[in-house]
Full PDB file with SEQRES, HELIX, SHEET, SSBOND, CRYST1, ORIGX, SCALE, CONECT and MASTER records, all heavy atoms in Angstrom:
SEQRES   1 A   40  ARG LYS ARG THR ARG PHE ARG SER TRP SER LEU ASP GLU          
SEQRES   2 A   40  CYS TYR GLY ILE PHE SER ALA LEU GLU HIS LEU MET GLY          
SEQRES   3 A   40  ARG GLU CYS GLU ASN LEU SER GLY GLY GLU MET GLN MET          
SEQRES   4 A   40  VAL                                                          
HELIX    1 AA1 LEU A   11  ILE A   17  1                                   7    
HELIX    2 AA2 LEU A   21  LEU A   24  5                                   4    
HELIX    3 AA3 CYS A   29  ASN A   31  5                                   3    
HELIX    4 AA4 GLY A   34  MET A   39  1                                   6    
CRYST1    1.000    1.000    1.000  90.00  90.00  90.00 P 1           1          
ORIGX1      1.000000  0.000000  0.000000        0.00000                         
ORIGX2      0.000000  1.000000  0.000000        0.00000                         
ORIGX3      0.000000  0.000000  1.000000        0.00000                         
SCALE1      1.000000  0.000000  0.000000        0.00000                         
SCALE2      0.000000  1.000000  0.000000        0.00000                         
SCALE3      0.000000  0.000000  1.000000        0.00000                         
ATOM      1  N   ARG A   1      -8.554   0.460 -86.585  1.00  0.00           N  
ATOM      2  CA  ARG A   1      -9.964   0.182 -86.613  1.00  0.00           C  
ATOM      3  C   ARG A   1     -10.465  -0.352 -85.239  1.00  0.00           C  
ATOM      4  O   ARG A   1      -9.837  -1.238 -84.662  1.00  0.00           O  
ATOM      5  CB  ARG A   1     -10.329  -0.861 -87.734  1.00  0.00           C  
ATOM      6  CG  ARG A   1     -11.806  -0.953 -88.039  1.00  0.00           C  
ATOM      7  CD  ARG A   1     -12.046  -1.863 -89.232  1.00  0.00           C  
ATOM      8  NE  ARG A   1     -11.457  -1.272 -90.451  1.00  0.00           N  
ATOM      9  CZ  ARG A   1     -11.970  -0.310 -91.160  1.00  0.00           C  
ATOM     10  NH1 ARG A   1     -13.105   0.259 -90.782  1.00  0.00           N  
ATOM     11  NH2 ARG A   1     -11.346   0.113 -92.259  1.00  0.00           N  
ATOM     12  N   LYS A   2     -11.531   0.173 -84.767  1.00  0.00           N  
ATOM     13  CA  LYS A   2     -12.122  -0.248 -83.478  1.00  0.00           C  
ATOM     14  C   LYS A   2     -13.581  -0.021 -83.498  1.00  0.00           C  
ATOM     15  O   LYS A   2     -14.107   0.705 -84.382  1.00  0.00           O  
ATOM     16  CB  LYS A   2     -11.472   0.453 -82.279  1.00  0.00           C  
ATOM     17  CG  LYS A   2     -11.703   1.950 -82.260  1.00  0.00           C  
ATOM     18  CD  LYS A   2     -10.992   2.553 -81.104  1.00  0.00           C  
ATOM     19  CE  LYS A   2     -11.208   4.061 -80.914  1.00  0.00           C  
ATOM     20  NZ  LYS A   2     -10.640   4.875 -81.974  1.00  0.00           N  
ATOM     21  N   ARG A   3     -14.309  -0.660 -82.567  1.00  0.00           N  
ATOM     22  CA  ARG A   3     -15.720  -0.510 -82.491  1.00  0.00           C  
ATOM     23  C   ARG A   3     -16.092   0.488 -81.351  1.00  0.00           C  
ATOM     24  O   ARG A   3     -15.652   0.380 -80.266  1.00  0.00           O  
ATOM     25  CB  ARG A   3     -16.424  -1.856 -82.159  1.00  0.00           C  
ATOM     26  CG  ARG A   3     -16.332  -2.850 -83.340  1.00  0.00           C  
ATOM     27  CD  ARG A   3     -17.097  -4.092 -82.978  1.00  0.00           C  
ATOM     28  NE  ARG A   3     -17.149  -5.072 -84.053  1.00  0.00           N  
ATOM     29  CZ  ARG A   3     -17.774  -6.228 -84.033  1.00  0.00           C  
ATOM     30  NH1 ARG A   3     -18.457  -6.584 -82.923  1.00  0.00           N  
ATOM     31  NH2 ARG A   3     -17.729  -7.053 -85.082  1.00  0.00           N  
ATOM     32  N   THR A   4     -16.907   1.447 -81.740  1.00  0.00           N  
ATOM     33  CA  THR A   4     -17.506   2.370 -80.770  1.00  0.00           C  
ATOM     34  C   THR A   4     -18.988   2.423 -81.134  1.00  0.00           C  
ATOM     35  O   THR A   4     -19.464   1.735 -82.020  1.00  0.00           O  
ATOM     36  CB  THR A   4     -16.879   3.766 -80.854  1.00  0.00           C  
ATOM     37  OG1 THR A   4     -17.352   4.454 -82.020  1.00  0.00           O  
ATOM     38  CG2 THR A   4     -15.312   3.702 -80.927  1.00  0.00           C  
ATOM     39  N   ARG A   5     -19.707   3.284 -80.439  1.00  0.00           N  
ATOM     40  CA  ARG A   5     -21.123   3.463 -80.807  1.00  0.00           C  
ATOM     41  C   ARG A   5     -21.257   4.302 -82.067  1.00  0.00           C  
ATOM     42  O   ARG A   5     -22.356   4.419 -82.606  1.00  0.00           O  
ATOM     43  CB  ARG A   5     -21.929   4.033 -79.671  1.00  0.00           C  
ATOM     44  CG  ARG A   5     -21.939   5.524 -79.546  1.00  0.00           C  
ATOM     45  CD  ARG A   5     -23.057   5.981 -78.686  1.00  0.00           C  
ATOM     46  NE  ARG A   5     -23.227   7.445 -78.616  1.00  0.00           N  
ATOM     47  CZ  ARG A   5     -23.902   8.160 -79.500  1.00  0.00           C  
ATOM     48  NH1 ARG A   5     -24.487   7.575 -80.547  1.00  0.00           N  
ATOM     49  NH2 ARG A   5     -24.013   9.472 -79.368  1.00  0.00           N  
ATOM     50  N   PHE A   6     -20.162   4.868 -82.531  1.00  0.00           N  
ATOM     51  CA  PHE A   6     -20.177   5.725 -83.695  1.00  0.00           C  
ATOM     52  C   PHE A   6     -19.757   4.942 -84.950  1.00  0.00           C  
ATOM     53  O   PHE A   6     -19.228   3.834 -84.857  1.00  0.00           O  
ATOM     54  CB  PHE A   6     -19.250   6.944 -83.471  1.00  0.00           C  
ATOM     55  CG  PHE A   6     -19.613   7.718 -82.286  1.00  0.00           C  
ATOM     56  CD1 PHE A   6     -18.872   7.559 -81.087  1.00  0.00           C  
ATOM     57  CD2 PHE A   6     -20.659   8.609 -82.263  1.00  0.00           C  
ATOM     58  CE1 PHE A   6     -19.208   8.287 -79.949  1.00  0.00           C  
ATOM     59  CE2 PHE A   6     -21.004   9.311 -81.128  1.00  0.00           C  
ATOM     60  CZ  PHE A   6     -20.289   9.127 -79.947  1.00  0.00           C  
ATOM     61  N   ARG A   7     -19.876   5.559 -86.111  1.00  0.00           N  
ATOM     62  CA  ARG A   7     -19.636   4.909 -87.371  1.00  0.00           C  
ATOM     63  C   ARG A   7     -18.143   4.935 -87.743  1.00  0.00           C  
ATOM     64  O   ARG A   7     -17.476   5.980 -87.600  1.00  0.00           O  
ATOM     65  CB  ARG A   7     -20.399   5.593 -88.459  1.00  0.00           C  
ATOM     66  CG  ARG A   7     -20.307   4.972 -89.846  1.00  0.00           C  
ATOM     67  CD  ARG A   7     -21.240   5.695 -90.825  1.00  0.00           C  
ATOM     68  NE  ARG A   7     -20.707   6.990 -91.188  1.00  0.00           N  
ATOM     69  CZ  ARG A   7     -19.801   7.213 -92.132  1.00  0.00           C  
ATOM     70  NH1 ARG A   7     -19.277   6.181 -92.819  1.00  0.00           N  
ATOM     71  NH2 ARG A   7     -19.403   8.430 -92.464  1.00  0.00           N  
ATOM     72  N   SER A   8     -17.640   3.788 -88.141  1.00  0.00           N  
ATOM     73  CA  SER A   8     -16.265   3.706 -88.650  1.00  0.00           C  
ATOM     74  C   SER A   8     -16.264   4.006 -90.140  1.00  0.00           C  
ATOM     75  O   SER A   8     -17.113   3.494 -90.890  1.00  0.00           O  
ATOM     76  CB  SER A   8     -15.718   2.299 -88.406  1.00  0.00           C  
ATOM     77  OG  SER A   8     -14.366   2.220 -88.967  1.00  0.00           O  
ATOM     78  N   TRP A   9     -15.363   4.837 -90.556  1.00  0.00           N  
ATOM     79  CA  TRP A   9     -15.244   5.176 -91.985  1.00  0.00           C  
ATOM     80  C   TRP A   9     -14.547   4.049 -92.738  1.00  0.00           C  
ATOM     81  O   TRP A   9     -13.629   3.384 -92.205  1.00  0.00           O  
ATOM     82  CB  TRP A   9     -14.463   6.452 -92.169  1.00  0.00           C  
ATOM     83  CG  TRP A   9     -15.258   7.682 -91.822  1.00  0.00           C  
ATOM     84  CD1 TRP A   9     -16.017   7.847 -90.687  1.00  0.00           C  
ATOM     85  CD2 TRP A   9     -15.336   8.905 -92.540  1.00  0.00           C  
ATOM     86  NE1 TRP A   9     -16.601   9.071 -90.685  1.00  0.00           N  
ATOM     87  CE2 TRP A   9     -16.193   9.759 -91.817  1.00  0.00           C  
ATOM     88  CE3 TRP A   9     -14.741   9.332 -93.722  1.00  0.00           C  
ATOM     89  CZ2 TRP A   9     -16.441  11.051 -92.228  1.00  0.00           C  
ATOM     90  CZ3 TRP A   9     -15.048  10.601 -94.156  1.00  0.00           C  
ATOM     91  CH2 TRP A   9     -15.881  11.469 -93.439  1.00  0.00           C  
ATOM     92  N   SER A  10     -14.978   3.828 -93.947  1.00  0.00           N  
ATOM     93  CA  SER A  10     -14.320   2.817 -94.811  1.00  0.00           C  
ATOM     94  C   SER A  10     -13.143   3.446 -95.521  1.00  0.00           C  
ATOM     95  O   SER A  10     -12.999   4.663 -95.583  1.00  0.00           O  
ATOM     96  CB  SER A  10     -15.319   2.285 -95.838  1.00  0.00           C  
ATOM     97  OG  SER A  10     -15.621   3.332 -96.804  1.00  0.00           O  
ATOM     98  N   LEU A  11     -12.301   2.582 -96.066  1.00  0.00           N  
ATOM     99  CA  LEU A  11     -11.164   3.075 -96.853  1.00  0.00           C  
ATOM    100  C   LEU A  11     -11.640   3.860 -98.049  1.00  0.00           C  
ATOM    101  O   LEU A  11     -11.046   4.929 -98.420  1.00  0.00           O  
ATOM    102  CB  LEU A  11     -10.267   1.892 -97.271  1.00  0.00           C  
ATOM    103  CG  LEU A  11      -9.364   1.283 -96.230  1.00  0.00           C  
ATOM    104  CD1 LEU A  11      -8.638   0.099 -96.837  1.00  0.00           C  
ATOM    105  CD2 LEU A  11      -8.372   2.301 -95.664  1.00  0.00           C  
ATOM    106  N   ASP A  12     -12.728   3.446 -98.689  1.00  0.00           N  
ATOM    107  CA  ASP A  12     -13.203   4.132 -99.861  1.00  0.00           C  
ATOM    108  C   ASP A  12     -13.627   5.530 -99.511  1.00  0.00           C  
ATOM    109  O   ASP A  12     -13.459   6.506-100.272  1.00  0.00           O  
ATOM    110  CB  ASP A  12     -14.376   3.362-100.502  1.00  0.00           C  
ATOM    111  CG  ASP A  12     -13.918   2.147-101.260  1.00  0.00           C  
ATOM    112  OD1 ASP A  12     -12.711   2.071-101.606  1.00  0.00           O  
ATOM    113  OD2 ASP A  12     -14.755   1.217-101.485  1.00  0.00           O  
ATOM    114  N   GLU A  13     -14.226   5.697 -98.325  1.00  0.00           N  
ATOM    115  CA  GLU A  13     -14.635   7.027 -97.890  1.00  0.00           C  
ATOM    116  C   GLU A  13     -13.420   7.910 -97.640  1.00  0.00           C  
ATOM    117  O   GLU A  13     -13.422   9.095 -97.970  1.00  0.00           O  
ATOM    118  CB  GLU A  13     -15.499   6.953 -96.626  1.00  0.00           C  
ATOM    119  CG  GLU A  13     -16.906   6.417 -96.875  1.00  0.00           C  
ATOM    120  CD  GLU A  13     -17.662   6.231 -95.586  1.00  0.00           C  
ATOM    121  OE1 GLU A  13     -17.217   5.534 -94.682  1.00  0.00           O  
ATOM    122  OE2 GLU A  13     -18.775   6.875 -95.479  1.00  0.00           O  
ATOM    123  N   CYS A  14     -12.369   7.323 -97.098  1.00  0.00           N  
ATOM    124  CA  CYS A  14     -11.130   8.098 -96.898  1.00  0.00           C  
ATOM    125  C   CYS A  14     -10.510   8.469 -98.235  1.00  0.00           C  
ATOM    126  O   CYS A  14     -10.003   9.588 -98.387  1.00  0.00           O  
ATOM    127  CB  CYS A  14     -10.099   7.273 -96.052  1.00  0.00           C  
ATOM    128  SG  CYS A  14     -10.680   7.000 -94.345  1.00  0.00           S  
ATOM    129  N   TYR A  15     -10.543   7.542 -99.205  1.00  0.00           N  
ATOM    130  CA  TYR A  15     -10.078   7.882-100.551  1.00  0.00           C  
ATOM    131  C   TYR A  15     -10.910   9.020-101.135  1.00  0.00           C  
ATOM    132  O   TYR A  15     -10.322   9.811-101.908  1.00  0.00           O  
ATOM    133  CB  TYR A  15     -10.164   6.653-101.469  1.00  0.00           C  
ATOM    134  CG  TYR A  15      -9.376   5.442-101.043  1.00  0.00           C  
ATOM    135  CD1 TYR A  15      -9.763   4.180-101.503  1.00  0.00           C  
ATOM    136  CD2 TYR A  15      -8.250   5.546-100.256  1.00  0.00           C  
ATOM    137  CE1 TYR A  15      -9.031   3.050-101.156  1.00  0.00           C  
ATOM    138  CE2 TYR A  15      -7.536   4.413 -99.860  1.00  0.00           C  
ATOM    139  CZ  TYR A  15      -7.922   3.156-100.333  1.00  0.00           C  
ATOM    140  OH  TYR A  15      -7.245   2.073 -99.976  1.00  0.00           O  
ATOM    141  N   GLY A  16     -12.172   9.090-100.804  1.00  0.00           N  
ATOM    142  CA  GLY A  16     -12.981  10.160-101.333  1.00  0.00           C  
ATOM    143  C   GLY A  16     -12.591  11.521-100.869  1.00  0.00           C  
ATOM    144  O   GLY A  16     -12.772  12.500-101.539  1.00  0.00           O  
ATOM    145  N   ILE A  17     -11.960  11.550 -99.651  1.00  0.00           N  
ATOM    146  CA  ILE A  17     -11.442  12.840 -99.142  1.00  0.00           C  
ATOM    147  C   ILE A  17     -10.055  13.077 -99.630  1.00  0.00           C  
ATOM    148  O   ILE A  17      -9.684  14.173-100.037  1.00  0.00           O  
ATOM    149  CB  ILE A  17     -11.466  12.832 -97.572  1.00  0.00           C  
ATOM    150  CG1 ILE A  17     -12.904  12.652 -97.057  1.00  0.00           C  
ATOM    151  CG2 ILE A  17     -10.899  14.083 -97.051  1.00  0.00           C  
ATOM    152  CD1 ILE A  17     -12.979  12.541 -95.554  1.00  0.00           C  
ATOM    153  N   PHE A  18      -9.218  12.024 -99.561  1.00  0.00           N  
ATOM    154  CA  PHE A  18      -7.792  12.136 -99.952  1.00  0.00           C  
ATOM    155  C   PHE A  18      -7.558  11.225-101.130  1.00  0.00           C  
ATOM    156  O   PHE A  18      -7.281  10.024-100.989  1.00  0.00           O  
ATOM    157  CB  PHE A  18      -6.876  11.742 -98.813  1.00  0.00           C  
ATOM    158  CG  PHE A  18      -7.072  12.549 -97.546  1.00  0.00           C  
ATOM    159  CD1 PHE A  18      -7.590  11.964 -96.368  1.00  0.00           C  
ATOM    160  CD2 PHE A  18      -6.778  13.919 -97.535  1.00  0.00           C  
ATOM    161  CE1 PHE A  18      -7.763  12.696 -95.241  1.00  0.00           C  
ATOM    162  CE2 PHE A  18      -6.973  14.646 -96.338  1.00  0.00           C  
ATOM    163  CZ  PHE A  18      -7.449  14.049 -95.227  1.00  0.00           C  
ATOM    164  N   SER A  19      -7.705  11.750-102.349  1.00  0.00           N  
ATOM    165  CA  SER A  19      -7.583  10.901-103.531  1.00  0.00           C  
ATOM    166  C   SER A  19      -6.232  10.224-103.669  1.00  0.00           C  
ATOM    167  O   SER A  19      -6.106   9.154-104.263  1.00  0.00           O  
ATOM    168  CB  SER A  19      -7.910  11.727-104.799  1.00  0.00           C  
ATOM    169  OG  SER A  19      -7.010  12.835-104.922  1.00  0.00           O  
ATOM    170  N   ALA A  20      -5.180  10.924-103.138  1.00  0.00           N  
ATOM    171  CA  ALA A  20      -3.802  10.332-103.248  1.00  0.00           C  
ATOM    172  C   ALA A  20      -3.607   9.198-102.295  1.00  0.00           C  
ATOM    173  O   ALA A  20      -2.662   8.430-102.475  1.00  0.00           O  
ATOM    174  CB  ALA A  20      -2.795  11.423-102.959  1.00  0.00           C  
ATOM    175  N   LEU A  21      -4.458   9.019-101.288  1.00  0.00           N  
ATOM    176  CA  LEU A  21      -4.203   8.053-100.248  1.00  0.00           C  
ATOM    177  C   LEU A  21      -4.170   6.645-100.828  1.00  0.00           C  
ATOM    178  O   LEU A  21      -3.317   5.775-100.392  1.00  0.00           O  
ATOM    179  CB  LEU A  21      -5.272   8.142 -99.183  1.00  0.00           C  
ATOM    180  CG  LEU A  21      -5.141   7.188 -97.995  1.00  0.00           C  
ATOM    181  CD1 LEU A  21      -3.941   7.557 -97.179  1.00  0.00           C  
ATOM    182  CD2 LEU A  21      -6.412   7.280 -97.136  1.00  0.00           C  
ATOM    183  N   GLU A  22      -5.029   6.318-101.751  1.00  0.00           N  
ATOM    184  CA  GLU A  22      -5.107   4.984-102.319  1.00  0.00           C  
ATOM    185  C   GLU A  22      -3.784   4.547-102.924  1.00  0.00           C  
ATOM    186  O   GLU A  22      -3.433   3.371-102.885  1.00  0.00           O  
ATOM    187  CB  GLU A  22      -6.233   4.888-103.332  1.00  0.00           C  
ATOM    188  CG  GLU A  22      -6.486   3.512-103.859  1.00  0.00           C  
ATOM    189  CD  GLU A  22      -7.750   3.436-104.727  1.00  0.00           C  
ATOM    190  OE1 GLU A  22      -8.310   4.501-105.066  1.00  0.00           O  
ATOM    191  OE2 GLU A  22      -8.111   2.321-105.139  1.00  0.00           O  
ATOM    192  N   HIS A  23      -3.059   5.470-103.491  1.00  0.00           N  
ATOM    193  CA  HIS A  23      -1.778   5.191-104.138  1.00  0.00           C  
ATOM    194  C   HIS A  23      -0.612   5.093-103.186  1.00  0.00           C  
ATOM    195  O   HIS A  23       0.514   4.749-103.612  1.00  0.00           O  
ATOM    196  CB  HIS A  23      -1.510   6.229-105.233  1.00  0.00           C  
ATOM    197  CG  HIS A  23      -2.654   6.412-106.179  1.00  0.00           C  
ATOM    198  ND1 HIS A  23      -3.011   5.476-107.117  1.00  0.00           N  
ATOM    199  CD2 HIS A  23      -3.572   7.453-106.341  1.00  0.00           C  
ATOM    200  CE1 HIS A  23      -4.046   5.879-107.831  1.00  0.00           C  
ATOM    201  NE2 HIS A  23      -4.364   7.077-107.377  1.00  0.00           N  
ATOM    202  N   LEU A  24      -0.860   5.371-101.906  1.00  0.00           N  
ATOM    203  CA  LEU A  24       0.190   5.337-100.902  1.00  0.00           C  
ATOM    204  C   LEU A  24       0.104   4.111-100.033  1.00  0.00           C  
ATOM    205  O   LEU A  24       1.006   3.906 -99.200  1.00  0.00           O  
ATOM    206  CB  LEU A  24       0.079   6.590 -99.981  1.00  0.00           C  
ATOM    207  CG  LEU A  24       0.186   7.961-100.647  1.00  0.00           C  
ATOM    208  CD1 LEU A  24      -0.061   9.077 -99.595  1.00  0.00           C  
ATOM    209  CD2 LEU A  24       1.585   8.140-101.240  1.00  0.00           C  
ATOM    210  N   MET A  25      -0.899   3.284-100.224  1.00  0.00           N  
ATOM    211  CA  MET A  25      -1.159   2.217 -99.265  1.00  0.00           C  
ATOM    212  C   MET A  25      -0.002   1.257 -99.042  1.00  0.00           C  
ATOM    213  O   MET A  25       0.190   0.723 -97.946  1.00  0.00           O  
ATOM    214  CB  MET A  25      -2.416   1.426 -99.651  1.00  0.00           C  
ATOM    215  CG  MET A  25      -3.698   2.276 -99.673  1.00  0.00           C  
ATOM    216  SD  MET A  25      -4.160   2.842 -98.027  1.00  0.00           S  
ATOM    217  CE  MET A  25      -4.878   1.371 -97.338  1.00  0.00           C  
ATOM    218  N   GLY A  26       0.788   0.997-100.064  1.00  0.00           N  
ATOM    219  CA  GLY A  26       1.876   0.068 -99.931  1.00  0.00           C  
ATOM    220  C   GLY A  26       3.178   0.659 -99.504  1.00  0.00           C  
ATOM    221  O   GLY A  26       4.156  -0.065 -99.320  1.00  0.00           O  
ATOM    222  N   ARG A  27       3.226   1.925 -99.252  1.00  0.00           N  
ATOM    223  CA  ARG A  27       4.459   2.590 -98.905  1.00  0.00           C  
ATOM    224  C   ARG A  27       4.622   2.662 -97.373  1.00  0.00           C  
ATOM    225  O   ARG A  27       3.696   2.790 -96.630  1.00  0.00           O  
ATOM    226  CB  ARG A  27       4.494   4.030 -99.463  1.00  0.00           C  
ATOM    227  CG  ARG A  27       4.670   4.039-100.964  1.00  0.00           C  
ATOM    228  CD  ARG A  27       4.581   5.462-101.523  1.00  0.00           C  
ATOM    229  NE  ARG A  27       5.542   6.372-100.935  1.00  0.00           N  
ATOM    230  CZ  ARG A  27       5.628   7.669-101.261  1.00  0.00           C  
ATOM    231  NH1 ARG A  27       4.731   8.178-102.120  1.00  0.00           N  
ATOM    232  NH2 ARG A  27       6.500   8.460-100.674  1.00  0.00           N  
ATOM    233  N   GLU A  28       5.897   2.561 -96.911  1.00  0.00           N  
ATOM    234  CA  GLU A  28       6.190   2.757 -95.496  1.00  0.00           C  
ATOM    235  C   GLU A  28       6.021   4.225 -95.188  1.00  0.00           C  
ATOM    236  O   GLU A  28       6.396   5.092 -95.922  1.00  0.00           O  
ATOM    237  CB  GLU A  28       7.598   2.265 -95.138  1.00  0.00           C  
ATOM    238  CG  GLU A  28       7.785   0.764 -95.121  1.00  0.00           C  
ATOM    239  CD  GLU A  28       7.889   0.174 -96.536  1.00  0.00           C  
ATOM    240  OE1 GLU A  28       8.176   0.928 -97.472  1.00  0.00           O  
ATOM    241  OE2 GLU A  28       7.670  -1.065 -96.665  1.00  0.00           O  
ATOM    242  N   CYS A  29       5.496   4.475 -93.987  1.00  0.00           N  
ATOM    243  CA  CYS A  29       5.209   5.881 -93.634  1.00  0.00           C  
ATOM    244  C   CYS A  29       6.444   6.733 -93.461  1.00  0.00           C  
ATOM    245  O   CYS A  29       6.370   7.947 -93.582  1.00  0.00           O  
ATOM    246  CB  CYS A  29       4.378   5.907 -92.337  1.00  0.00           C  
ATOM    247  SG  CYS A  29       2.651   5.440 -92.624  1.00  0.00           S  
ATOM    248  N   GLU A  30       7.581   6.113 -93.210  1.00  0.00           N  
ATOM    249  CA  GLU A  30       8.820   6.897 -93.080  1.00  0.00           C  
ATOM    250  C   GLU A  30       9.233   7.501 -94.422  1.00  0.00           C  
ATOM    251  O   GLU A  30      10.057   8.409 -94.447  1.00  0.00           O  
ATOM    252  CB  GLU A  30       9.975   5.978 -92.548  1.00  0.00           C  
ATOM    253  CG  GLU A  30      10.330   4.873 -93.456  1.00  0.00           C  
ATOM    254  CD  GLU A  30      11.349   3.940 -92.791  1.00  0.00           C  
ATOM    255  OE1 GLU A  30      11.829   4.252 -91.702  1.00  0.00           O  
ATOM    256  OE2 GLU A  30      11.684   2.876 -93.377  1.00  0.00           O  
ATOM    257  N   ASN A  31       8.614   7.066 -95.498  1.00  0.00           N  
ATOM    258  CA  ASN A  31       8.946   7.629 -96.855  1.00  0.00           C  
ATOM    259  C   ASN A  31       7.889   8.609 -97.313  1.00  0.00           C  
ATOM    260  O   ASN A  31       7.921   8.986 -98.484  1.00  0.00           O  
ATOM    261  CB  ASN A  31       9.060   6.464 -97.830  1.00  0.00           C  
ATOM    262  CG  ASN A  31      10.191   5.524 -97.485  1.00  0.00           C  
ATOM    263  OD1 ASN A  31      11.257   5.959 -97.109  1.00  0.00           O  
ATOM    264  ND2 ASN A  31       9.968   4.203 -97.630  1.00  0.00           N  
ATOM    265  N   LEU A  32       7.011   9.059 -96.461  1.00  0.00           N  
ATOM    266  CA  LEU A  32       5.987   9.998 -96.845  1.00  0.00           C  
ATOM    267  C   LEU A  32       6.360  11.447 -96.546  1.00  0.00           C  
ATOM    268  O   LEU A  32       7.142  11.696 -95.603  1.00  0.00           O  
ATOM    269  CB  LEU A  32       4.671   9.690 -96.093  1.00  0.00           C  
ATOM    270  CG  LEU A  32       4.058   8.291 -96.239  1.00  0.00           C  
ATOM    271  CD1 LEU A  32       2.757   8.178 -95.454  1.00  0.00           C  
ATOM    272  CD2 LEU A  32       3.846   7.966 -97.735  1.00  0.00           C  
ATOM    273  N   SER A  33       5.747  12.347 -97.263  1.00  0.00           N  
ATOM    274  CA  SER A  33       5.928  13.776 -96.918  1.00  0.00           C  
ATOM    275  C   SER A  33       5.078  14.143 -95.764  1.00  0.00           C  
ATOM    276  O   SER A  33       4.206  13.372 -95.302  1.00  0.00           O  
ATOM    277  CB  SER A  33       5.553  14.617 -98.160  1.00  0.00           C  
ATOM    278  OG  SER A  33       4.135  14.513 -98.358  1.00  0.00           O  
ATOM    279  N   GLY A  34       5.258  15.329 -95.214  1.00  0.00           N  
ATOM    280  CA  GLY A  34       4.439  15.804 -94.108  1.00  0.00           C  
ATOM    281  C   GLY A  34       2.970  15.832 -94.452  1.00  0.00           C  
ATOM    282  O   GLY A  34       2.101  15.404 -93.644  1.00  0.00           O  
ATOM    283  N   GLY A  35       2.625  16.313 -95.609  1.00  0.00           N  
ATOM    284  CA  GLY A  35       1.220  16.313 -96.062  1.00  0.00           C  
ATOM    285  C   GLY A  35       0.615  14.952 -96.225  1.00  0.00           C  
ATOM    286  O   GLY A  35      -0.514  14.707 -95.830  1.00  0.00           O  
ATOM    287  N   GLU A  36       1.412  13.988 -96.718  1.00  0.00           N  
ATOM    288  CA  GLU A  36       0.938  12.612 -96.876  1.00  0.00           C  
ATOM    289  C   GLU A  36       0.730  11.965 -95.499  1.00  0.00           C  
ATOM    290  O   GLU A  36      -0.193  11.207 -95.308  1.00  0.00           O  
ATOM    291  CB  GLU A  36       1.950  11.831 -97.710  1.00  0.00           C  
ATOM    292  CG  GLU A  36       1.933  12.252 -99.195  1.00  0.00           C  
ATOM    293  CD  GLU A  36       3.129  11.685 -99.966  1.00  0.00           C  
ATOM    294  OE1 GLU A  36       4.158  11.298 -99.322  1.00  0.00           O  
ATOM    295  OE2 GLU A  36       3.041  11.677-101.225  1.00  0.00           O  
ATOM    296  N   MET A  37       1.684  12.237 -94.583  1.00  0.00           N  
ATOM    297  CA  MET A  37       1.509  11.723 -93.196  1.00  0.00           C  
ATOM    298  C   MET A  37       0.237  12.267 -92.555  1.00  0.00           C  
ATOM    299  O   MET A  37      -0.462  11.529 -91.845  1.00  0.00           O  
ATOM    300  CB  MET A  37       2.711  12.079 -92.336  1.00  0.00           C  
ATOM    301  CG  MET A  37       3.940  11.241 -92.622  1.00  0.00           C  
ATOM    302  SD  MET A  37       5.203  11.619 -91.378  1.00  0.00           S  
ATOM    303  CE  MET A  37       6.572  10.680 -92.058  1.00  0.00           C  
ATOM    304  N   GLN A  38      -0.082  13.510 -92.849  1.00  0.00           N  
ATOM    305  CA  GLN A  38      -1.300  14.112 -92.275  1.00  0.00           C  
ATOM    306  C   GLN A  38      -2.538  13.387 -92.857  1.00  0.00           C  
ATOM    307  O   GLN A  38      -3.523  13.207 -92.104  1.00  0.00           O  
ATOM    308  CB  GLN A  38      -1.334  15.579 -92.550  1.00  0.00           C  
ATOM    309  CG  GLN A  38      -2.461  16.337 -91.815  1.00  0.00           C  
ATOM    310  CD  GLN A  38      -2.263  16.377 -90.313  1.00  0.00           C  
ATOM    311  OE1 GLN A  38      -2.234  15.349 -89.656  1.00  0.00           O  
ATOM    312  NE2 GLN A  38      -2.095  17.539 -89.759  1.00  0.00           N  
ATOM    313  N   MET A  39      -2.513  13.064 -94.113  1.00  0.00           N  
ATOM    314  CA  MET A  39      -3.595  12.259 -94.739  1.00  0.00           C  
ATOM    315  C   MET A  39      -3.800  10.950 -93.964  1.00  0.00           C  
ATOM    316  O   MET A  39      -4.949  10.575 -93.630  1.00  0.00           O  
ATOM    317  CB  MET A  39      -3.304  11.944 -96.171  1.00  0.00           C  
ATOM    318  CG  MET A  39      -3.336  13.079 -97.136  1.00  0.00           C  
ATOM    319  SD  MET A  39      -2.985  12.396 -98.818  1.00  0.00           S  
ATOM    320  CE  MET A  39      -2.452  13.848 -99.672  1.00  0.00           C  
ATOM    321  N   VAL A  40      -2.719  10.311 -93.654  1.00  0.00           N  
ATOM    322  CA  VAL A  40      -2.764   9.016 -92.961  1.00  0.00           C  
ATOM    323  C   VAL A  40      -3.326   9.247 -91.532  1.00  0.00           C  
ATOM    324  O   VAL A  40      -4.159   8.482 -91.053  1.00  0.00           O  
ATOM    325  CB  VAL A  40      -1.368   8.351 -92.921  1.00  0.00           C  
ATOM    326  CG1 VAL A  40      -1.441   7.068 -92.104  1.00  0.00           C  
ATOM    327  CG2 VAL A  40      -0.882   8.056 -94.320  1.00  0.00           C  
TER     328      VAL A  40                                                      
MASTER        0    0    0    4    0    0    0    6  327    1    0    4          
END                                                                             
């Protein structure tokens, strides 16, 4: 997260695109599939 003159997306908005993302939040990224890493 950083500040620019553009809008930062919220986590809820990201969940709206990637519904599975919310259920991955507590997992270490080394345990994700390629598709899950791309979501992140």
